[in-house]
C-alpha atoms as a PDB file:
ATOM      1  CA  MET A   1      -5.607  -8.751  -9.781  1.00  0.00           C
ATOM      2  CA  ILE A   2      -3.062 -10.745 -11.534  1.00  0.00           C
ATOM      3  CA  ASP A   3       0.466  -9.706 -10.709  1.00  0.00           C
ATOM      4  CA  SER A   4       2.800  -9.451 -13.747  1.00  0.00           C
ATOM      5  CA  ASP A   5       4.865 -12.902 -12.858  1.00  0.00           C
ATOM      6  CA  SER A   6       1.565 -14.992 -13.004  1.00  0.00           C
ATOM      7  CA  LEU A   7       0.594 -13.440 -15.943  1.00  0.00           C
ATOM      8  CA  LEU A   8       4.010 -14.282 -17.397  1.00  0.00           C
ATOM      9  CA  LEU A   9       3.648 -18.042 -16.254  1.00  0.00           C
ATOM     10  CA  GLN A  10       0.486 -18.671 -17.777  1.00  0.00           C
ATOM     11  CA  GLN A  11       1.758 -17.471 -21.461  1.00  0.00           C
ATOM     12  CA  LEU A  12       4.378 -20.056 -21.228  1.00  0.00           C
ATOM     13  CA  PRO A  13       3.857 -22.483 -23.570  1.00  0.00           C
ATOM     14  CA  TYR A  14       3.225 -25.614 -21.132  1.00  0.00           C
ATOM     15  CA  PHE A  15       0.120 -23.997 -20.257  1.00  0.00           C
ATOM     16  CA  ARG A  16      -1.454 -23.463 -23.832  1.00  0.00           C
ATOM     17  CA  ASN A  17      -5.222 -23.777 -24.235  1.00  0.00           C
ATOM     18  CA  PHE A  18      -5.236 -24.170 -20.314  1.00  0.00           C
ATOM     19  CA  ARG A  19      -8.783 -23.118 -19.066  1.00  0.00           C
ATOM     20  CA  PRO A  20      -8.885 -20.064 -16.469  1.00  0.00           C
ATOM     21  CA  GLU A  21      -9.818 -22.725 -13.491  1.00  0.00           C
ATOM     22  CA  GLU A  22      -6.542 -24.622 -14.630  1.00  0.00           C
ATOM     23  CA  LEU A  23      -4.780 -21.610 -14.597  1.00  0.00           C
ATOM     24  CA  ALA A  24      -5.562 -20.644 -11.345  1.00  0.00           C
ATOM     25  CA  LEU A  25      -4.273 -24.384 -10.276  1.00  0.00           C
ATOM     26  CA  VAL A  26      -0.894 -23.690 -11.731  1.00  0.00           C
ATOM     27  CA  ARG A  27      -0.618 -20.218  -9.734  1.00  0.00           C
ATOM     28  CA  SER A  28      -1.647 -21.916  -6.500  1.00  0.00           C
ATOM     29  CA  GLN A  29       1.367 -24.105  -6.716  1.00  0.00           C
ATOM     30  CA  VAL A  30       3.952 -21.493  -7.520  1.00  0.00           C
ATOM     31  CA  ARG A  31       6.648 -20.030  -4.957  1.00  0.00           C
ATOM     32  CA  PRO A  32       8.466 -17.039  -6.186  1.00  0.00           C
ATOM     33  CA  ARG A  33      12.623 -17.178  -5.120  1.00  0.00           C
ATOM     34  CA  ASN A  34      14.513 -14.072  -5.321  1.00  0.00           C
ATOM     35  CA  LEU A  35      18.233 -14.532  -6.149  1.00  0.00           C
ATOM     36  CA  ALA A  36      21.319 -13.403  -4.642  1.00  0.00           C
ATOM     37  CA  ALA A  37      24.107 -12.000  -6.557  1.00  0.00           C
ATOM     38  CA  ASP A  38      25.628 -14.572  -8.872  1.00  0.00           C
ATOM     39  CA  GLU A  39      23.489 -17.727  -6.538  1.00  0.00           C
ATOM     40  CA  VAL A  40      23.730 -21.042  -7.995  1.00  0.00           C
ATOM     41  CA  ILE A  41      20.067 -22.266  -8.099  1.00  0.00           C
ATOM     42  CA  LEU A  42      20.622 -26.109  -8.638  1.00  0.00           C
ATOM     43  CA  LEU A  43      23.915 -28.521  -9.410  1.00  0.00           C
ATOM     44  CA  GLU A  44      24.404 -30.640 -12.313  1.00  0.00           C
ATOM     45  CA  GLY A  45      23.741 -34.036 -11.181  1.00  0.00           C
ATOM     46  CA  GLN A  46      21.253 -33.859  -8.364  1.00  0.00           C
ATOM     47  CA  PRO A  47      17.776 -34.885  -8.222  1.00  0.00           C
ATOM     48  CA  ALA A  48      15.294 -32.368 -10.037  1.00  0.00           C
ATOM     49  CA  GLU A  49      13.243 -30.232  -7.806  1.00  0.00           C
ATOM     50  CA  ALA A  50      11.189 -28.093  -9.829  1.00  0.00           C
ATOM     51  CA  LEU A  51      10.685 -26.591 -13.109  1.00  0.00           C
ATOM     52  CA  TYR A  52      12.046 -22.873 -13.131  1.00  0.00           C
ATOM     53  CA  VAL A  53      11.018 -19.978 -14.926  1.00  0.00           C
ATOM     54  CA  VAL A  54      13.077 -16.514 -15.295  1.00  0.00           C
ATOM     55  CA  CYS A  55      10.922 -13.461 -14.437  1.00  0.00           C
ATOM     56  CA  ARG A  56      13.576 -11.011 -13.895  1.00  0.00           C
ATOM     57  CA  GLY A  57      17.400 -10.688 -15.036  1.00  0.00           C
ATOM     58  CA  ARG A  58      19.344 -13.552 -16.274  1.00  0.00           C
ATOM     59  CA  VAL A  59      20.417 -17.007 -15.656  1.00  0.00           C
ATOM     60  CA  ARG A  60      23.040 -18.960 -17.110  1.00  0.00           C
ATOM     61  CA  ILE A  61      22.891 -22.632 -17.406  1.00  0.00           C
ATOM     62  CA  PHE A  62      26.142 -24.430 -18.088  1.00  0.00           C
ATOM     63  CA  GLN A  63      28.404 -27.825 -17.561  1.00  0.00           C
ATOM     64  CA  SER A  64      31.670 -27.805 -15.942  1.00  0.00           C
ATOM     65  CA  THR A  65      34.476 -30.273 -15.531  1.00  0.00           C
ATOM     66  CA  ALA A  66      36.366 -31.550 -12.392  1.00  0.00           C
ATOM     67  CA  ALA A  67      39.251 -28.904 -13.601  1.00  0.00           C
ATOM     68  CA  GLY A  68      37.133 -26.062 -13.617  1.00  0.00           C
ATOM     69  CA  ARG A  69      36.447 -25.592 -17.017  1.00  0.00           C
ATOM     70  CA  GLU A  70      32.813 -24.317 -18.373  1.00  0.00           C
ATOM     71  CA  GLN A  71      30.598 -24.526 -20.994  1.00  0.00           C
ATOM     72  CA  VAL A  72      27.561 -22.173 -21.015  1.00  0.00           C
ATOM     73  CA  LEU A  73      25.131 -23.740 -22.818  1.00  0.00           C
ATOM     74  CA  PHE A  74      22.382 -20.793 -22.750  1.00  0.00           C
ATOM     75  CA  MET A  75      21.688 -17.650 -21.175  1.00  0.00           C
ATOM     76  CA  LEU A  76      18.263 -17.101 -20.384  1.00  0.00           C
ATOM     77  CA  GLY A  77      16.274 -13.881 -19.714  1.00  0.00           C
ATOM     78  CA  ARG A  78      12.722 -13.099 -18.642  1.00  0.00           C
ATOM     79  CA  GLY A  79       9.852 -15.755 -19.846  1.00  0.00           C
ATOM     80  CA  ALA A  80      12.434 -18.796 -20.092  1.00  0.00           C
ATOM     81  CA  THR A  81      12.238 -21.958 -18.652  1.00  0.00           C
ATOM     82  CA  PHE A  82      14.979 -24.277 -17.410  1.00  0.00           C
ATOM     83  CA  ASP A  83      15.733 -27.597 -15.678  1.00  0.00           C
ATOM     84  CA  ASP A  84      12.705 -29.130 -18.040  1.00  0.00           C
ATOM     85  CA  VAL A  85      13.834 -32.122 -18.993  1.00  0.00           C
ATOM     86  CA  ALA A  86      15.076 -33.425 -15.495  1.00  0.00           C
ATOM     87  CA  ALA A  87      11.344 -31.673 -14.240  1.00  0.00           C
ATOM     88  CA  PHE A  88       9.831 -34.320 -16.350  1.00  0.00           C
ATOM     89  CA  ASP A  89      11.750 -37.265 -16.987  1.00  0.00           C
ATOM     90  CA  GLY A  90      12.626 -37.808 -13.389  1.00  0.00           C
ATOM     91  CA  GLY A  91      16.318 -37.891 -13.592  1.00  0.00           C
ATOM     92  CA  ALA A  92      19.128 -35.550 -12.297  1.00  0.00           C
ATOM     93  CA  ASN A  93      19.644 -32.319 -13.367  1.00  0.00           C
ATOM     94  CA  LEU A  94      21.832 -32.071 -16.592  1.00  0.00           C
ATOM     95  CA  ALA A  95      23.413 -28.783 -15.962  1.00  0.00           C
ATOM     96  CA  ASN A  96      24.142 -26.045 -13.357  1.00  0.00           C
ATOM     97  CA  ALA A  97      22.507 -23.123 -13.458  1.00  0.00           C
ATOM     98  CA  GLN A  98      23.389 -19.779 -11.868  1.00  0.00           C
ATOM     99  CA  ALA A  99      21.782 -15.895 -11.712  1.00  0.00           C
ATOM    100  CA  CYS A 100      23.893 -13.433 -13.646  1.00  0.00           C
ATOM    101  CA  GLY A 101      24.814 -10.766 -11.707  1.00  0.00           C
ATOM    102  CA  THR A 102      22.057  -9.138  -9.064  1.00  0.00           C
ATOM    103  CA  GLY A 103      18.007  -8.710  -8.949  1.00  0.00           C
ATOM    104  CA  ALA A 104      17.431 -11.980 -10.653  1.00  0.00           C
ATOM    105  CA  ARG A 105      14.043 -13.851  -9.716  1.00  0.00           C
ATOM    106  CA  VAL A 106      12.435 -16.731 -10.524  1.00  0.00           C
ATOM    107  CA  SER A 107       9.116 -18.747 -10.298  1.00  0.00           C
ATOM    108  CA  VAL A 108       9.211 -22.243  -9.202  1.00  0.00           C
ATOM    109  CA  LEU A 109       7.043 -25.204 -10.087  1.00  0.00           C
ATOM    110  CA  PRO A 110       7.408 -28.482  -7.845  1.00  0.00           C
ATOM    111  CA  VAL A 111       7.931 -31.776 -10.008  1.00  0.00           C
ATOM    112  CA  THR A 112       5.545 -33.570  -8.158  1.00  0.00           C
ATOM    113  CA  PHE A 113       2.728 -31.218  -9.261  1.00  0.00           C
ATOM    114  CA  LEU A 114       3.904 -30.938 -12.882  1.00  0.00           C
ATOM    115  CA  ARG A 115       4.096 -34.626 -13.449  1.00  0.00           C
ATOM    116  CA  HIS A 116       0.579 -34.847 -11.920  1.00  0.00           C
ATOM    117  CA  LEU A 117      -0.827 -32.454 -14.662  1.00  0.00           C
ATOM    118  CA  VAL A 118       1.266 -34.652 -17.315  1.00  0.00           C
ATOM    119  CA  VAL A 119      -0.696 -37.769 -16.669  1.00  0.00           C
ATOM    120  CA  SER A 120      -4.139 -35.552 -15.741  1.00  0.00           C
ATOM    121  CA  ASN A 121      -4.607 -32.921 -18.595  1.00  0.00           C
ATOM    122  CA  PRO A 122      -4.039 -34.041 -22.296  1.00  0.00           C
ATOM    123  CA  CYS A 123      -3.699 -30.270 -23.014  1.00  0.00           C
ATOM    124  CA  MET A 124      -0.329 -30.711 -20.769  1.00  0.00           C
ATOM    125  CA  ALA A 125       0.933 -33.483 -22.411  1.00  0.00           C
ATOM    126  CA  ALA A 126       1.062 -32.633 -25.978  1.00  0.00           C
ATOM    127  CA  ASN A 127       2.537 -29.174 -24.812  1.00  0.00           C
ATOM    128  CA  VAL A 128       5.272 -30.667 -23.255  1.00  0.00           C
ATOM    129  CA  ALA A 129       6.126 -32.763 -26.159  1.00  0.00           C
ATOM    130  CA  GLY A 130       6.243 -29.910 -28.213  1.00  0.00           C
ATOM    131  CA  VAL A 131       8.782 -27.817 -25.981  1.00  0.00           C
ATOM    132  CA  LEU A 132      11.162 -30.537 -25.213  1.00  0.00           C
ATOM    133  CA  ALA A 133      11.184 -31.006 -29.007  1.00  0.00           C
ATOM    134  CA  GLU A 134      12.139 -27.545 -29.473  1.00  0.00           C
ATOM    135  CA  ARG A 135      14.929 -28.391 -26.668  1.00  0.00           C
ATOM    136  CA  VAL A 136      16.305 -30.639 -28.858  1.00  0.00           C
ATOM    137  CA  ARG A 137      16.573 -28.394 -31.777  1.00  0.00           C
ATOM    138  CA  GLN A 138      18.049 -25.832 -29.754  1.00  0.00           C
ATOM    139  CA  LEU A 139      20.816 -28.508 -28.449  1.00  0.00           C
ATOM    140  CA  VAL A 140      21.319 -29.602 -31.964  1.00  0.00           C
ATOM    141  CA  THR A 141      22.138 -25.766 -32.950  1.00  0.00           C
ATOM    142  CA  LEU A 142      24.845 -25.699 -30.020  1.00  0.00           C
ATOM    143  CA  VAL A 143      26.749 -28.658 -31.178  1.00  0.00           C
ATOM    144  CA  ALA A 144      26.774 -27.521 -34.335  1.00  0.00           C
ATOM    145  CA  ASP A 145      28.208 -23.918 -33.679  1.00  0.00           C
ATOM    146  CA  LEU A 146      30.798 -26.154 -31.772  1.00  0.00           C
ATOM    147  CA  SER A 147      31.942 -28.489 -34.096  1.00  0.00           C
ATOM    148  CA  LEU A 148      31.190 -26.702 -37.583  1.00  0.00           C
ATOM    149  CA  HIS A 149      32.165 -23.116 -37.273  1.00  0.00           C
ATOM    150  CA  HIS A 150      35.503 -21.714 -36.397  1.00  0.00           C
ATOM    151  CA  THR A 151      36.226 -19.702 -33.428  1.00  0.00           C
ATOM    152  CA  ILE A 152      35.822 -16.233 -34.992  1.00  0.00           C
ATOM    153  CA  GLN A 153      32.210 -17.444 -36.471  1.00  0.00           C
ATOM    154  CA  ARG A 154      31.081 -18.447 -32.811  1.00  0.00           C
ATOM    155  CA  VAL A 155      32.342 -15.202 -31.419  1.00  0.00           C
ATOM    156  CA  ALA A 156      30.865 -13.276 -34.279  1.00  0.00           C
ATOM    157  CA  LYS A 157      27.520 -14.836 -33.456  1.00  0.00           C
ATOM    158  CA  LEU A 158      27.548 -14.191 -29.830  1.00  0.00           C
ATOM    159  CA  LEU A 159      28.677 -10.611 -30.435  1.00  0.00           C
ATOM    160  CA  MET A 160      25.811 -10.423 -32.880  1.00  0.00           C
ATOM    161  CA  GLU A 161      23.013 -11.782 -30.095  1.00  0.00           C
ATOM    162  CA  GLU A 162      24.570  -9.775 -27.391  1.00  0.00           C
ATOM    163  CA  SER A 163      24.607  -6.437 -29.139  1.00  0.00           C
ATOM    164  CA  ALA A 164      20.746  -6.898 -30.367  1.00  0.00           C
ATOM    165  CA  GLY A 165      19.063  -3.517 -30.271  1.00  0.00           C
ATOM    166  CA  THR A 166      22.028  -1.486 -29.057  1.00  0.00           C
ATOM    167  CA  GLY A 167      25.044  -2.341 -31.252  1.00  0.00           C
ATOM    168  CA  VAL A 168      27.166  -2.428 -27.952  1.00  0.00           C
ATOM    169  CA  VAL A 169      28.598  -5.483 -26.046  1.00  0.00           C
ATOM    170  CA  LEU A 170      29.289  -5.469 -22.402  1.00  0.00           C
ATOM    171  CA  VAL A 171      30.770  -9.202 -21.963  1.00  0.00           C
ATOM    172  CA  SER A 172      34.456 -10.274 -21.009  1.00  0.00           C
ATOM    173  CA  ARG A 173      36.854 -12.356 -22.756  1.00  0.00           C
ATOM    174  CA  GLN A 174      36.682 -15.190 -20.459  1.00  0.00           C
ATOM    175  CA  GLU A 175      32.718 -14.934 -20.389  1.00  0.00           C
ATOM    176  CA  MET A 176      32.849 -15.349 -23.937  1.00  0.00           C
ATOM    177  CA  ALA A 177      35.176 -17.851 -24.113  1.00  0.00           C
ATOM    178  CA  THR A 178      32.888 -20.424 -21.779  1.00  0.00           C
ATOM    179  CA  ARG A 179      30.138 -19.531 -23.617  1.00  0.00           C
ATOM    180  CA  ILE A 180      31.460 -20.481 -27.266  1.00  0.00           C
ATOM    181  CA  GLY A 181      33.357 -23.602 -25.829  1.00  0.00           C
ATOM    182  CA  THR A 182      36.985 -22.158 -25.753  1.00  0.00           C
ATOM    183  CA  VAL A 183      39.475 -20.492 -24.069  1.00  0.00           C
ATOM    184  CA  ARG A 184      40.103 -16.728 -23.522  1.00  0.00           C
ATOM    185  CA  GLU A 185      43.543 -16.835 -25.571  1.00  0.00           C
ATOM    186  CA  MET A 186      41.348 -18.109 -28.312  1.00  0.00           C
ATOM    187  CA  VAL A 187      38.442 -15.378 -28.105  1.00  0.00           C
ATOM    188  CA  SER A 188      41.081 -12.775 -27.947  1.00  0.00           C
ATOM    189  CA  ARG A 189      43.042 -13.840 -31.126  1.00  0.00           C
ATOM    190  CA  ALA A 190      39.306 -13.875 -32.410  1.00  0.00           C
ATOM    191  CA  LEU A 191      38.619  -9.979 -31.561  1.00  0.00           C
ATOM    192  CA  CYS A 192      42.153  -8.813 -32.775  1.00  0.00           C
ATOM    193  CA  ARG A 193      41.002 -10.324 -36.244  1.00  0.00           C
ATOM    194  CA  LEU A 194      37.486  -8.776 -36.357  1.00  0.00           C
ATOM    195  CA  GLU A 195      39.210  -5.729 -35.186  1.00  0.00           C
ATOM    196  CA  GLN A 196      41.645  -5.469 -37.720  1.00  0.00           C
ATOM    197  CA  THR A 197      38.522  -5.750 -40.336  1.00  0.00           C
ATOM    198  CA  GLY A 198      36.359  -3.187 -38.658  1.00  0.00           C
ATOM    199  CA  ALA A 199      33.726  -5.863 -37.726  1.00  0.00           C
ATOM    200  CA  VAL A 200      34.074  -4.451 -33.903  1.00  0.00           C
ATOM    201  CA  SER A 201      36.003  -1.398 -32.082  1.00  0.00           C
ATOM    202  CA  ARG A 202      36.987  -1.046 -28.688  1.00  0.00           C
ATOM    203  CA  ARG A 203      35.461   1.837 -26.234  1.00  0.00           C
ATOM    204  CA  ASP A 204      37.350   0.665 -23.380  1.00  0.00           C
ATOM    205  CA  ASN A 205      38.548  -2.663 -21.897  1.00  0.00           C
ATOM    206  CA  ARG A 206      34.942  -4.336 -21.557  1.00  0.00           C
ATOM    207  CA  THR A 207      32.937  -2.504 -24.406  1.00  0.00           C
ATOM    208  CA  LEU A 208      32.997  -3.362 -27.842  1.00  0.00           C
ATOM    209  CA  HIS A 209      30.931  -1.216 -30.597  1.00  0.00           C
ATOM    210  CA  VAL A 210      29.525  -4.057 -33.043  1.00  0.00           C
ATOM    211  CA  GLU A 211      29.294  -3.630 -36.925  1.00  0.00           C
ATOM    212  CA  THR A 212      26.676  -6.072 -37.474  1.00  0.00           C
ATOM    213  CA  ARG A 213      27.007  -6.039 -41.226  1.00  0.00           C
ATOM    214  CA  MET A 214      30.491  -7.130 -41.190  1.00  0.00           C
ATOM    215  CA  LEU A 215      29.773  -9.642 -38.415  1.00  0.00           C
ATOM    216  CA  HIS A 216      26.909 -11.255 -40.753  1.00  0.00           C
ATOM    217  CA  ALA A 217      29.878 -11.753 -43.415  1.00  0.00           C
ATOM    218  CA  TYR A 218      31.749 -13.931 -40.868  1.00  0.00           C
ATOM    219  CA  LEU A 219      28.758 -15.967 -40.336  1.00  0.00           C
ATOM    220  CA  ASP A 220      27.690 -16.589 -44.028  1.00  0.00           C
ATOM    221  CA  ALA A 221      31.857 -17.345 -44.687  1.00  0.00           C
ATOM    222  CA  ASP A 222      32.563 -21.038 -45.825  1.00  0.00           C
ATOM    223  CA  PRO A 223      35.079 -22.298 -43.450  1.00  0.00           C
ATOM    224  CA  ALA A 224      36.553 -24.673 -45.874  1.00  0.00           C
ATOM    225  CA  SER A 225      37.593 -21.719 -48.094  1.00  0.00           C
ATOM    226  CA  ASP A 226      37.965 -18.441 -45.945  1.00  0.00           C
ATOM    227  CA  ASN A 227      41.634 -18.137 -44.908  1.00  0.00           C
ATOM    228  CA  HIS A 228      40.918 -15.069 -42.681  1.00  0.00           C
ATOM    229  CA  LEU A 229      38.670 -17.718 -40.839  1.00  0.00           C
ATOM    230  CA  THR A 230      41.342 -20.546 -40.468  1.00  0.00           C
ATOM    231  CA  ALA A 231      43.742 -18.239 -39.317  1.00  0.00           C
ATOM    232  CA  VAL A 232      41.727 -18.265 -35.791  1.00  0.00           C
ATOM    233  CA  HIS A 233      40.868 -21.601 -35.556  1.00  0.00           C
END
Protein backbone atom coordinates (compact mmCIF):
# COMPACT_ATOMS: atom_id res chain seq x y z
CA MET A 1 0.00 0.00 0.00
CA ILE A 2 1.33 3.44 -0.97
CA ASP A 3 1.41 5.97 1.88
CA SER A 4 -0.01 9.49 1.61
CA ASP A 5 3.39 11.13 1.09
CA SER A 6 4.16 8.83 -1.82
CA LEU A 7 0.78 9.52 -3.37
CA LEU A 8 1.43 13.23 -3.03
CA LEU A 9 4.82 12.84 -4.66
CA GLN A 10 3.55 11.07 -7.75
CA GLN A 11 0.89 13.77 -8.22
CA LEU A 12 3.53 16.50 -8.61
CA PRO A 13 3.64 18.14 -12.05
CA TYR A 14 7.26 17.04 -12.41
CA PHE A 15 6.11 13.43 -12.72
CA ARG A 16 3.07 13.94 -14.94
CA ASN A 17 2.64 11.13 -17.51
CA PHE A 18 5.17 8.88 -15.78
CA ARG A 19 4.60 5.15 -16.12
CA PRO A 20 4.01 3.10 -12.92
CA GLU A 21 7.52 1.65 -12.97
CA GLU A 22 8.99 5.16 -13.36
CA LEU A 23 6.97 6.40 -10.39
CA ALA A 24 8.18 3.44 -8.37
CA LEU A 25 11.76 4.44 -9.14
CA VAL A 26 11.07 7.98 -7.96
CA ARG A 27 9.55 6.71 -4.71
CA SER A 28 12.60 4.54 -4.09
CA GLN A 29 14.86 7.62 -4.11
CA VAL A 30 12.85 9.75 -1.69
CA ARG A 31 13.67 10.14 1.97
CA PRO A 32 11.32 11.77 4.51
CA ARG A 33 12.56 14.48 6.83
CA ASN A 34 10.65 15.51 9.94
CA LEU A 35 11.47 19.09 10.90
CA ALA A 36 12.00 20.57 14.34
CA ALA A 37 10.09 23.72 15.30
CA ASP A 38 11.25 26.60 13.08
CA GLU A 39 14.11 24.48 11.72
CA VAL A 40 16.19 26.04 8.94
CA ILE A 41 16.08 23.61 6.03
CA LEU A 42 18.52 25.29 3.67
CA LEU A 43 20.50 28.52 3.37
CA GLU A 44 20.76 30.98 0.51
CA GLY A 45 24.05 30.72 -1.36
CA GLN A 46 24.88 27.15 -0.38
CA PRO A 47 25.09 24.35 -2.99
CA ALA A 48 21.77 22.69 -3.73
CA GLU A 49 21.45 19.15 -2.45
CA ALA A 50 17.85 18.25 -3.21
CA LEU A 51 14.39 19.15 -4.35
CA TYR A 52 12.00 19.40 -1.40
CA VAL A 53 8.29 18.62 -1.23
CA VAL A 54 6.15 19.91 1.63
CA CYS A 55 4.19 16.97 3.01
CA ARG A 56 2.88 18.50 6.23
CA GLY A 57 2.85 21.93 7.84
CA ARG A 58 4.18 25.10 6.26
CA VAL A 59 7.55 26.30 5.02
CA ARG A 60 8.57 29.88 4.39
CA ILE A 61 10.98 30.83 1.62
CA PHE A 62 12.81 34.09 2.26
CA GLN A 63 15.88 36.19 1.56
CA SER A 64 17.71 38.24 4.18
CA THR A 65 20.29 41.00 4.34
CA ALA A 66 23.44 41.23 6.45
CA ALA A 67 21.55 43.72 8.63
CA GLY A 68 18.91 41.09 9.37
CA ARG A 69 16.05 42.43 7.26
CA GLU A 70 13.98 39.71 5.61
CA GLN A 71 11.75 39.47 2.57
CA VAL A 72 9.43 36.47 2.47
CA LEU A 73 9.01 35.25 -1.09
CA PHE A 74 6.57 32.39 -0.57
CA MET A 75 4.66 30.61 2.18
CA LEU A 76 4.28 26.99 1.12
CA GLY A 77 1.88 24.28 2.23
CA ARG A 78 1.29 20.63 1.46
CA GLY A 79 2.13 19.64 -2.11
CA ALA A 80 4.42 22.60 -2.84
CA THR A 81 8.04 22.15 -3.90
CA PHE A 82 11.02 24.40 -3.21
CA ASP A 83 14.65 24.91 -4.22
CA ASP A 84 13.53 23.89 -7.69
CA VAL A 85 15.80 26.17 -9.73
CA ALA A 86 19.00 25.32 -7.88
CA ALA A 87 18.15 21.62 -7.90
CA PHE A 88 18.02 21.57 -11.69
CA ASP A 89 20.57 24.17 -12.81
CA GLY A 90 23.38 23.16 -10.46
CA GLY A 91 23.70 26.62 -8.96
CA ALA A 92 23.47 27.79 -5.37
CA ASN A 93 20.25 28.02 -3.35
CA LEU A 94 18.43 31.22 -4.30
CA ALA A 95 16.81 31.71 -0.89
CA ASN A 96 16.52 30.37 2.64
CA ALA A 97 13.88 27.87 3.69
CA GLN A 98 12.53 27.44 7.23
CA ALA A 99 9.78 25.41 8.85
CA CYS A 100 6.92 27.46 10.27
CA GLY A 101 6.24 26.32 13.81
CA THR A 102 6.03 22.64 14.71
CA GLY A 103 5.03 19.45 12.92
CA ALA A 104 6.36 20.17 9.44
CA ARG A 105 7.63 17.34 7.25
CA VAL A 106 9.22 17.32 3.80
CA SER A 107 10.19 14.70 1.26
CA VAL A 108 13.72 15.02 -0.13
CA LEU A 109 14.75 14.09 -3.67
CA PRO A 110 18.54 14.16 -4.32
CA VAL A 111 19.73 16.43 -7.12
CA THR A 112 21.88 13.74 -8.73
CA PHE A 113 18.81 11.55 -9.27
CA LEU A 114 16.70 14.46 -10.57
CA ARG A 115 19.32 15.55 -13.08
CA HIS A 116 19.62 11.97 -14.31
CA LEU A 117 15.86 11.93 -14.89
CA VAL A 118 16.00 15.17 -16.87
CA VAL A 119 18.52 13.78 -19.38
CA SER A 120 17.04 10.27 -19.55
CA ASN A 121 13.28 10.87 -19.47
CA PRO A 122 11.64 13.17 -22.08
CA CYS A 123 8.52 13.56 -19.93
CA MET A 124 10.61 14.82 -17.04
CA ALA A 125 12.41 17.37 -19.20
CA ALA A 126 9.13 18.76 -20.56
CA ASN A 127 7.56 18.84 -17.10
CA VAL A 128 10.54 20.71 -15.59
CA ALA A 129 10.27 23.37 -18.30
CA GLY A 130 6.60 23.89 -17.50
CA VAL A 131 7.07 24.08 -13.74
CA LEU A 132 10.00 26.50 -13.91
CA ALA A 133 8.08 28.73 -16.32
CA GLU A 134 5.30 28.92 -13.73
CA ARG A 135 7.89 29.90 -11.10
CA VAL A 136 8.94 32.82 -13.30
CA ARG A 137 5.31 33.96 -13.51
CA GLN A 138 5.00 33.81 -9.71
CA LEU A 139 8.11 35.94 -9.26
CA VAL A 140 6.89 38.49 -11.81
CA THR A 141 3.67 38.78 -9.79
CA LEU A 142 5.70 39.28 -6.61
CA VAL A 143 7.81 42.01 -8.21
CA ALA A 144 4.66 43.75 -9.43
CA ASP A 145 3.15 43.64 -5.93
CA LEU A 146 6.27 45.16 -4.38
CA SER A 147 6.83 47.84 -6.99
CA LEU A 148 3.37 48.85 -8.19
CA HIS A 149 1.07 48.46 -5.19
CA HIS A 150 0.78 50.58 -2.09
CA THR A 151 1.43 49.09 1.34
CA ILE A 152 -2.27 49.05 2.19
CA GLN A 153 -3.01 47.06 -0.97
CA ARG A 154 -0.27 44.55 -0.20
CA VAL A 155 -1.60 44.17 3.35
CA ALA A 156 -5.12 43.71 2.00
CA LYS A 157 -3.96 41.00 -0.41
CA LEU A 158 -2.07 39.18 2.34
CA LEU A 159 -5.08 39.31 4.66
CA MET A 160 -7.31 37.84 1.96
CA GLU A 161 -4.86 35.01 1.30
CA GLU A 162 -4.46 34.17 4.98
CA SER A 163 -8.19 34.36 5.78
CA ALA A 164 -9.39 32.24 2.85
CA GLY A 165 -12.11 29.88 4.08
CA THR A 166 -12.10 31.18 7.65
CA GLY A 167 -12.40 34.97 7.57
CA VAL A 168 -9.81 35.09 10.35
CA VAL A 169 -6.11 35.98 10.27
CA LEU A 170 -3.55 34.92 12.87
CA VAL A 171 -0.37 36.62 11.65
CA SER A 172 1.79 39.06 13.60
CA ARG A 173 2.52 42.52 12.22
CA GLN A 174 6.21 41.70 11.98
CA GLU A 175 5.47 38.61 9.91
CA MET A 176 3.20 40.66 7.65
CA ALA A 177 6.00 43.17 7.17
CA THR A 178 8.55 40.54 6.14
CA ARG A 179 6.08 38.98 3.73
CA ILE A 180 5.09 42.16 1.90
CA GLY A 181 8.48 43.87 1.87
CA THR A 182 8.04 46.70 4.35
CA VAL A 183 8.52 47.49 8.05
CA ARG A 184 6.25 46.83 11.02
CA GLU A 185 5.31 50.48 11.44
CA MET A 186 3.94 50.68 7.89
CA VAL A 187 1.87 47.55 8.46
CA SER A 188 0.46 49.07 11.65
CA ARG A 189 -0.56 52.21 9.76
CA ALA A 190 -2.21 50.17 7.03
CA LEU A 191 -4.12 48.01 9.53
CA CYS A 192 -5.27 51.12 11.38
CA ARG A 193 -6.70 52.50 8.14
CA LEU A 194 -8.37 49.19 7.31
CA GLU A 195 -9.93 49.09 10.78
CA GLN A 196 -11.23 52.63 10.40
CA THR A 197 -13.03 51.69 7.19
CA GLY A 198 -14.40 48.44 8.61
CA ALA A 199 -12.39 46.16 6.32
CA VAL A 200 -10.91 44.39 9.35
CA SER A 201 -11.81 44.21 13.02
CA ARG A 202 -9.58 43.19 15.89
CA ARG A 203 -10.54 40.33 18.22
CA ASP A 204 -7.32 40.51 20.26
CA ASN A 205 -3.69 41.51 19.76
CA ARG A 206 -3.08 38.81 17.12
CA THR A 207 -6.48 37.89 15.70
CA LEU A 208 -8.15 39.87 12.91
CA HIS A 209 -11.59 39.32 11.39
CA VAL A 210 -11.61 40.13 7.68
CA GLU A 211 -14.35 41.60 5.50
CA THR A 212 -13.35 40.16 2.13
CA ARG A 213 -15.63 42.35 0.02
CA MET A 214 -14.15 45.54 1.44
CA LEU A 215 -10.59 44.30 1.01
CA HIS A 216 -11.36 43.61 -2.64
CA ALA A 217 -12.21 47.28 -3.05
CA TYR A 218 -8.69 48.20 -1.94
CA LEU A 219 -7.13 45.76 -4.40
CA ASP A 220 -9.22 47.15 -7.25
CA ALA A 221 -8.40 50.78 -6.46
CA ASP A 222 -6.08 52.78 -8.70
CA PRO A 223 -3.10 53.88 -6.55
CA ALA A 224 -2.47 56.89 -8.77
CA SER A 225 -5.86 58.43 -8.08
CA ASP A 226 -7.01 57.04 -4.73
CA ASN A 227 -6.10 59.37 -1.88
CA HIS A 228 -6.90 56.93 0.91
CA LEU A 229 -4.21 54.62 -0.46
CA THR A 230 -1.48 57.23 -0.71
CA ALA A 231 -1.92 58.04 2.96
CA VAL A 232 -0.18 54.80 3.91
CA HIS A 233 2.22 54.36 1.02
